[in-house]
Amino acid sequence: ILVHPERYYYYYATPERYRAIHNAGVEFQI
């Protein structure tokens, strides 16, 4: 479970990176 992904600024410009990580089986906790 990747915690607070919303706090990683380096993903902001490429939000599709979030989807790729999640699609790979990693859950998200905000």
All heavy atoms as atom14 arrays in JSON, in Angstrom:
{
  "sequence": "ILVHPERYYYYYATPERYRAIHNAGVEFQI",
  "atom14_mask": [
    [1, 1, 1, 1, 1, 1, 1, 1, 0, 0, 0, 0, 0, 0],
    [1, 1, 1, 1, 1, 1, 1, 1, 0, 0, 0, 0, 0, 0],
    [1, 1, 1, 1, 1, 1, 1, 0, 0, 0, 0, 0, 0, 0],
    [1, 1, 1, 1, 1, 1, 1, 1, 1, 1, 0, 0, 0, 0],
    [1, 1, 1, 1, 1, 1, 1, 0, 0, 0, 0, 0, 0, 0],
    [1, 1, 1, 1, 1, 1, 1, 1, 1, 0, 0, 0, 0, 0],
    [1, 1, 1, 1, 1, 1, 1, 1, 1, 1, 1, 0, 0, 0],
    [1, 1, 1, 1, 1, 1, 1, 1, 1, 1, 1, 1, 0, 0],
    [1, 1, 1, 1, 1, 1, 1, 1, 1, 1, 1, 1, 0, 0],
    [1, 1, 1, 1, 1, 1, 1, 1, 1, 1, 1, 1, 0, 0],
    [1, 1, 1, 1, 1, 1, 1, 1, 1, 1, 1, 1, 0, 0],
    [1, 1, 1, 1, 1, 1, 1, 1, 1, 1, 1, 1, 0, 0],
    [1, 1, 1, 1, 1, 0, 0, 0, 0, 0, 0, 0, 0, 0],
    [1, 1, 1, 1, 1, 1, 1, 0, 0, 0, 0, 0, 0, 0],
    [1, 1, 1, 1, 1, 1, 1, 0, 0, 0, 0, 0, 0, 0],
    [1, 1, 1, 1, 1, 1, 1, 1, 1, 0, 0, 0, 0, 0],
    [1, 1, 1, 1, 1, 1, 1, 1, 1, 1, 1, 0, 0, 0],
    [1, 1, 1, 1, 1, 1, 1, 1, 1, 1, 1, 1, 0, 0],
    [1, 1, 1, 1, 1, 1, 1, 1, 1, 1, 1, 0, 0, 0],
    [1, 1, 1, 1, 1, 0, 0, 0, 0, 0, 0, 0, 0, 0],
    [1, 1, 1, 1, 1, 1, 1, 1, 0, 0, 0, 0, 0, 0],
    [1, 1, 1, 1, 1, 1, 1, 1, 1, 1, 0, 0, 0, 0],
    [1, 1, 1, 1, 1, 1, 1, 1, 0, 0, 0, 0, 0, 0],
    [1, 1, 1, 1, 1, 0, 0, 0, 0, 0, 0, 0, 0, 0],
    [1, 1, 1, 1, 0, 0, 0, 0, 0, 0, 0, 0, 0, 0],
    [1, 1, 1, 1, 1, 1, 1, 0, 0, 0, 0, 0, 0, 0],
    [1, 1, 1, 1, 1, 1, 1, 1, 1, 0, 0, 0, 0, 0],
    [1, 1, 1, 1, 1, 1, 1, 1, 1, 1, 1, 0, 0, 0],
    [1, 1, 1, 1, 1, 1, 1, 1, 1, 0, 0, 0, 0, 0],
    [1, 1, 1, 1, 1, 1, 1, 1, 0, 0, 0, 0, 0, 0]
  ],
  "atom14_positions": [
    [[0.87, -1.17, 0.0], [0.0, 0.0, 0.0], [0.91, 1.23, 0.0], [1.68, 1.43, 0.95], [-0.92, 0.03, 1.24], [-1.82, -1.2, 1.28], [-1.75, 1.32, 1.26], [-2.64, -1.33, 2.57], [0.0, 0.0, 0.0], [0.0, 0.0, 0.0], [0.0, 0.0, 0.0], [0.0, 0.0, 0.0], [0.0, 0.0, 0.0], [0.0, 0.0, 0.0]],
    [[0.84, 2.02, -1.05], [1.63, 3.25, -1.12], [0.9, 4.33, -0.35], [-0.23, 4.69, -0.68], [1.83, 3.68, -2.57], [2.72, 4.92, -2.8], [4.15, 4.65, -2.34], [2.69, 5.33, -4.27], [0.0, 0.0, 0.0], [0.0, 0.0, 0.0], [0.0, 0.0, 0.0], [0.0, 0.0, 0.0], [0.0, 0.0, 0.0], [0.0, 0.0, 0.0]],
    [[1.54, 4.82, 0.71], [0.88, 5.81, 1.56], [1.09, 7.21, 1.02], [2.09, 7.52, 0.38], [1.39, 5.71, 3.02], [1.12, 4.32, 3.58], [2.86, 6.07, 3.15], [0.0, 0.0, 0.0], [0.0, 0.0, 0.0], [0.0, 0.0, 0.0], [0.0, 0.0, 0.0], [0.0, 0.0, 0.0], [0.0, 0.0, 0.0], [0.0, 0.0, 0.0]],
    [[0.11, 8.04, 1.27], [0.02, 9.45, 0.83], [0.67, 9.73, -0.54], [1.56, 10.57, -0.65], [0.55, 10.41, 1.89], [1.85, 10.06, 2.56], [3.05, 9.98, 1.89], [2.13, 9.8, 3.86], [4.0, 9.67, 2.74], [3.48, 9.56, 3.94], [0.0, 0.0, 0.0], [0.0, 0.0, 0.0], [0.0, 0.0, 0.0], [0.0, 0.0, 0.0]],
    [[0.22, 9.05, -1.6], [0.77, 9.33, -2.93], [0.52, 10.77, -3.37], [1.26, 11.3, -4.22], [0.04, 8.34, -3.85], [-1.21, 7.99, -3.11], [-0.84, 8.02, -1.65], [0.0, 0.0, 0.0], [0.0, 0.0, 0.0], [0.0, 0.0, 0.0], [0.0, 0.0, 0.0], [0.0, 0.0, 0.0], [0.0, 0.0, 0.0], [0.0, 0.0, 0.0]],
    [[-0.49, 11.39, -2.79], [-0.8, 12.79, -3.15], [0.28, 13.77, -2.7], [0.27, 14.94, -3.1], [-2.15, 13.19, -2.54], [-2.16, 13.41, -1.03], [-2.29, 12.15, -0.2], [-2.23, 11.04, -0.78], [-2.45, 12.26, 1.04], [0.0, 0.0, 0.0], [0.0, 0.0, 0.0], [0.0, 0.0, 0.0], [0.0, 0.0, 0.0], [0.0, 0.0, 0.0]],
    [[1.24, 13.32, -1.91], [2.29, 14.21, -1.41], [3.59, 14.12, -2.2], [4.55, 14.8, -1.88], [2.56, 13.91, 0.07], [1.35, 14.11, 0.97], [1.71, 13.97, 2.43], [2.59, 15.06, 2.84], [3.27, 15.06, 4.0], [3.17, 14.03, 4.83], [4.05, 16.07, 4.31], [0.0, 0.0, 0.0], [0.0, 0.0, 0.0], [0.0, 0.0, 0.0]],
    [[3.62, 13.3, -3.24], [4.83, 13.15, -4.05], [4.74, 14.07, -5.26], [4.16, 13.72, -6.29], [5.02, 11.69, -4.46], [5.01, 10.73, -3.28], [4.25, 9.57, -3.29], [5.77, 11.0, -2.14], [4.24, 8.7, -2.22], [5.76, 10.14, -1.05], [4.99, 8.99, -1.09], [4.98, 8.14, 0.0], [0.0, 0.0, 0.0], [0.0, 0.0, 0.0]],
    [[5.34, 15.23, -5.14], [5.2, 16.27, -6.15], [5.7, 15.83, -7.52], [5.2, 16.31, -8.55], [6.01, 17.52, -5.72], [5.31, 18.38, -4.72], [5.42, 18.13, -3.35], [4.55, 19.47, -5.12], [4.79, 18.94, -2.42], [3.91, 20.29, -4.21], [4.03, 20.01, -2.85], [3.4, 20.81, -1.93], [0.0, 0.0, 0.0], [0.0, 0.0, 0.0]],
    [[6.67, 14.92, -7.57], [7.26, 14.57, -8.85], [6.31, 13.78, -9.74], [6.61, 13.54, -10.91], [8.57, 13.78, -8.64], [8.53, 12.75, -7.53], [8.07, 11.46, -7.74], [9.01, 13.07, -6.26], [8.04, 10.52, -6.73], [9.0, 12.14, -5.23], [8.51, 10.87, -5.47], [8.49, 9.95, -4.45], [0.0, 0.0, 0.0], [0.0, 0.0, 0.0]],
    [[5.17, 13.37, -9.22], [4.16, 12.71, -10.05], [3.12, 13.69, -10.6], [2.32, 13.32, -11.47], [3.42, 11.64, -9.25], [4.23, 10.43, -8.86], [4.03, 9.82, -7.63], [5.18, 9.89, -9.72], [4.76, 8.69, -7.26], [5.91, 8.77, -9.35], [5.7, 8.17, -8.12], [6.41, 7.06, -7.76], [0.0, 0.0, 0.0], [0.0, 0.0, 0.0]],
    [[3.1, 14.91, -10.11], [2.0, 15.82, -10.45], [1.9, 16.09, -11.95], [0.79, 16.21, -12.48], [2.17, 17.15, -9.71], [1.82, 17.11, -8.23], [1.66, 15.91, -7.54], [1.66, 18.29, -7.51], [1.35, 15.89, -6.2], [1.35, 18.27, -6.16], [1.2, 17.06, -5.51], [0.89, 17.05, -4.16], [0.0, 0.0, 0.0], [0.0, 0.0, 0.0]],
    [[3.03, 16.22, -12.61], [3.02, 16.55, -14.04], [2.63, 15.37, -14.91], [2.27, 15.54, -16.08], [4.38, 17.1, -14.47], [0.0, 0.0, 0.0], [0.0, 0.0, 0.0], [0.0, 0.0, 0.0], [0.0, 0.0, 0.0], [0.0, 0.0, 0.0], [0.0, 0.0, 0.0], [0.0, 0.0, 0.0], [0.0, 0.0, 0.0], [0.0, 0.0, 0.0]],
    [[2.7, 14.16, -14.36], [2.39, 12.95, -15.12], [1.45, 12.06, -14.31], [1.85, 10.98, -13.85], [3.67, 12.18, -15.48], [4.41, 11.91, -14.26], [4.54, 12.98, -16.44], [0.0, 0.0, 0.0], [0.0, 0.0, 0.0], [0.0, 0.0, 0.0], [0.0, 0.0, 0.0], [0.0, 0.0, 0.0], [0.0, 0.0, 0.0], [0.0, 0.0, 0.0]],
    [[0.2, 12.48, -14.11], [-0.72, 11.69, -13.27], [-0.96, 10.29, -13.79], [-1.38, 9.41, -13.03], [-2.0, 12.54, -13.28], [-1.88, 13.45, -14.44], [-0.42, 13.71, -14.62], [0.0, 0.0, 0.0], [0.0, 0.0, 0.0], [0.0, 0.0, 0.0], [0.0, 0.0, 0.0], [0.0, 0.0, 0.0], [0.0, 0.0, 0.0], [0.0, 0.0, 0.0]],
    [[-0.67, 10.06, -15.07], [-0.82, 8.69, -15.57], [0.14, 7.72, -14.89], [-0.08, 6.5, -14.88], [-0.61, 8.65, -17.09], [0.77, 9.05, -17.56], [0.94, 10.53, -17.82], [0.09, 11.32, -17.35], [1.93, 10.88, -18.48], [0.0, 0.0, 0.0], [0.0, 0.0, 0.0], [0.0, 0.0, 0.0], [0.0, 0.0, 0.0], [0.0, 0.0, 0.0]],
    [[1.22, 8.26, -14.29], [2.14, 7.41, -13.53], [1.43, 6.79, -12.33], [1.68, 5.64, -11.98], [3.36, 8.22, -13.09], [4.38, 7.45, -12.25], [4.98, 6.29, -13.0], [6.01, 5.63, -12.21], [6.24, 4.32, -12.25], [5.53, 3.53, -13.05], [7.19, 3.79, -11.5], [0.0, 0.0, 0.0], [0.0, 0.0, 0.0], [0.0, 0.0, 0.0]],
    [[0.54, 7.54, -11.71], [-0.24, 6.99, -10.61], [-1.04, 5.77, -11.07], [-1.06, 4.74, -10.41], [-1.22, 8.04, -10.08], [-0.65, 9.13, -9.22], [-0.74, 10.46, -9.61], [-0.07, 8.84, -7.99], [-0.25, 11.48, -8.8], [0.43, 9.85, -7.17], [0.33, 11.16, -7.58], [0.81, 12.16, -6.78], [0.0, 0.0, 0.0], [0.0, 0.0, 0.0]],
    [[-1.69, 5.93, -12.22], [-2.52, 4.82, -12.7], [-1.67, 3.6, -13.02], [-2.07, 2.45, -12.74], [-3.32, 5.24, -13.94], [-4.39, 4.24, -14.31], [-5.26, 4.72, -15.46], [-5.97, 5.94, -15.17], [-7.07, 6.01, -14.44], [-7.58, 4.9, -13.91], [-7.69, 7.16, -14.24], [0.0, 0.0, 0.0], [0.0, 0.0, 0.0], [0.0, 0.0, 0.0]],
    [[-0.48, 3.81, -13.58], [0.4, 2.68, -13.9], [0.81, 1.94, -12.64], [0.83, 0.69, -12.62], [1.62, 3.18, -14.66], [0.0, 0.0, 0.0], [0.0, 0.0, 0.0], [0.0, 0.0, 0.0], [0.0, 0.0, 0.0], [0.0, 0.0, 0.0], [0.0, 0.0, 0.0], [0.0, 0.0, 0.0], [0.0, 0.0, 0.0], [0.0, 0.0, 0.0]],
    [[1.14, 2.67, -11.6], [1.52, 2.04, -10.33], [0.35, 1.26, -9.75], [0.49, 0.11, -9.32], [2.02, 3.1, -9.33], [3.31, 3.76, -9.83], [2.26, 2.48, -7.95], [3.72, 5.0, -9.05], [0.0, 0.0, 0.0], [0.0, 0.0, 0.0], [0.0, 0.0, 0.0], [0.0, 0.0, 0.0], [0.0, 0.0, 0.0], [0.0, 0.0, 0.0]],
    [[-0.81, 1.89, -9.75], [-2.0, 1.24, -9.19], [-2.39, 0.01, -10.01], [-2.74, -1.03, -9.44], [-3.15, 2.25, -9.15], [-4.28, 1.86, -8.28], [-5.39, 1.19, -8.75], [-4.49, 2.05, -6.95], [-6.24, 0.99, -7.76], [-5.72, 1.49, -6.65], [0.0, 0.0, 0.0], [0.0, 0.0, 0.0], [0.0, 0.0, 0.0], [0.0, 0.0, 0.0]],
    [[-2.31, 0.12, -11.31], [-2.65, -1.02, -12.17], [-1.7, -2.19, -11.99], [-2.04, -3.33, -12.31], [-2.66, -0.59, -13.63], [-3.88, 0.24, -14.0], [-4.84, 0.34, -13.23], [-3.84, 0.86, -15.17], [0.0, 0.0, 0.0], [0.0, 0.0, 0.0], [0.0, 0.0, 0.0], [0.0, 0.0, 0.0], [0.0, 0.0, 0.0], [0.0, 0.0, 0.0]],
    [[-0.51, -1.9, -11.47], [0.47, -2.97, -11.22], [0.2, -3.71, -9.91], [1.0, -4.57, -9.53], [1.88, -2.37, -11.2], [0.0, 0.0, 0.0], [0.0, 0.0, 0.0], [0.0, 0.0, 0.0], [0.0, 0.0, 0.0], [0.0, 0.0, 0.0], [0.0, 0.0, 0.0], [0.0, 0.0, 0.0], [0.0, 0.0, 0.0], [0.0, 0.0, 0.0]],
    [[-0.9, -3.39, -9.25], [-1.28, -4.13, -8.05], [-0.97, -3.44, -6.74], [-1.12, -4.05, -5.68], [0.0, 0.0, 0.0], [0.0, 0.0, 0.0], [0.0, 0.0, 0.0], [0.0, 0.0, 0.0], [0.0, 0.0, 0.0], [0.0, 0.0, 0.0], [0.0, 0.0, 0.0], [0.0, 0.0, 0.0], [0.0, 0.0, 0.0], [0.0, 0.0, 0.0]],
    [[-0.55, -2.18, -6.8], [-0.24, -1.42, -5.59], [-1.45, -0.59, -5.2], [-1.97, 0.19, -6.01], [0.98, -0.5, -5.82], [1.29, 0.3, -4.57], [2.18, -1.32, -6.25], [0.0, 0.0, 0.0], [0.0, 0.0, 0.0], [0.0, 0.0, 0.0], [0.0, 0.0, 0.0], [0.0, 0.0, 0.0], [0.0, 0.0, 0.0], [0.0, 0.0, 0.0]],
    [[-1.92, -0.76, -3.97], [-3.05, 0.02, -3.51], [-2.58, 1.37, -2.96], [-1.41, 1.53, -2.59], [-3.83, -0.75, -2.45], [-4.48, -2.01, -3.0], [-5.34, -2.74, -2.0], [-4.81, -3.1, -0.93], [-6.53, -2.94, -2.28], [0.0, 0.0, 0.0], [0.0, 0.0, 0.0], [0.0, 0.0, 0.0], [0.0, 0.0, 0.0], [0.0, 0.0, 0.0]],
    [[-3.5, 2.32, -2.91], [-3.17, 3.69, -2.48], [-3.94, 4.04, -1.2], [-5.14, 3.74, -1.08], [-3.56, 4.7, -3.56], [-2.64, 4.75, -4.75], [-2.9, 5.61, -5.8], [-1.51, 3.95, -4.84], [-2.08, 5.68, -6.91], [-0.67, 3.99, -5.95], [-0.96, 4.87, -6.99], [0.0, 0.0, 0.0], [0.0, 0.0, 0.0], [0.0, 0.0, 0.0]],
    [[-3.25, 4.73, -0.3], [-3.88, 5.28, 0.9], [-3.61, 6.77, 0.95], [-2.46, 7.2, 0.97], [-3.31, 4.62, 2.16], [-3.81, 5.23, 3.47], [-2.76, 6.09, 4.15], [-1.7, 5.59, 4.51], [-3.03, 7.39, 4.32], [0.0, 0.0, 0.0], [0.0, 0.0, 0.0], [0.0, 0.0, 0.0], [0.0, 0.0, 0.0], [0.0, 0.0, 0.0]],
    [[-4.68, 7.58, 0.91], [-4.5, 9.02, 1.02], [-4.73, 9.45, 2.46], [-5.38, 8.76, 3.24], [-5.42, 9.81, 0.06], [-6.9, 9.55, 0.37], [-5.09, 9.46, -1.39], [-7.84, 10.46, -0.42], [0.0, 0.0, 0.0], [0.0, 0.0, 0.0], [0.0, 0.0, 0.0], [0.0, 0.0, 0.0], [0.0, 0.0, 0.0], [0.0, 0.0, 0.0]]
  ]
}
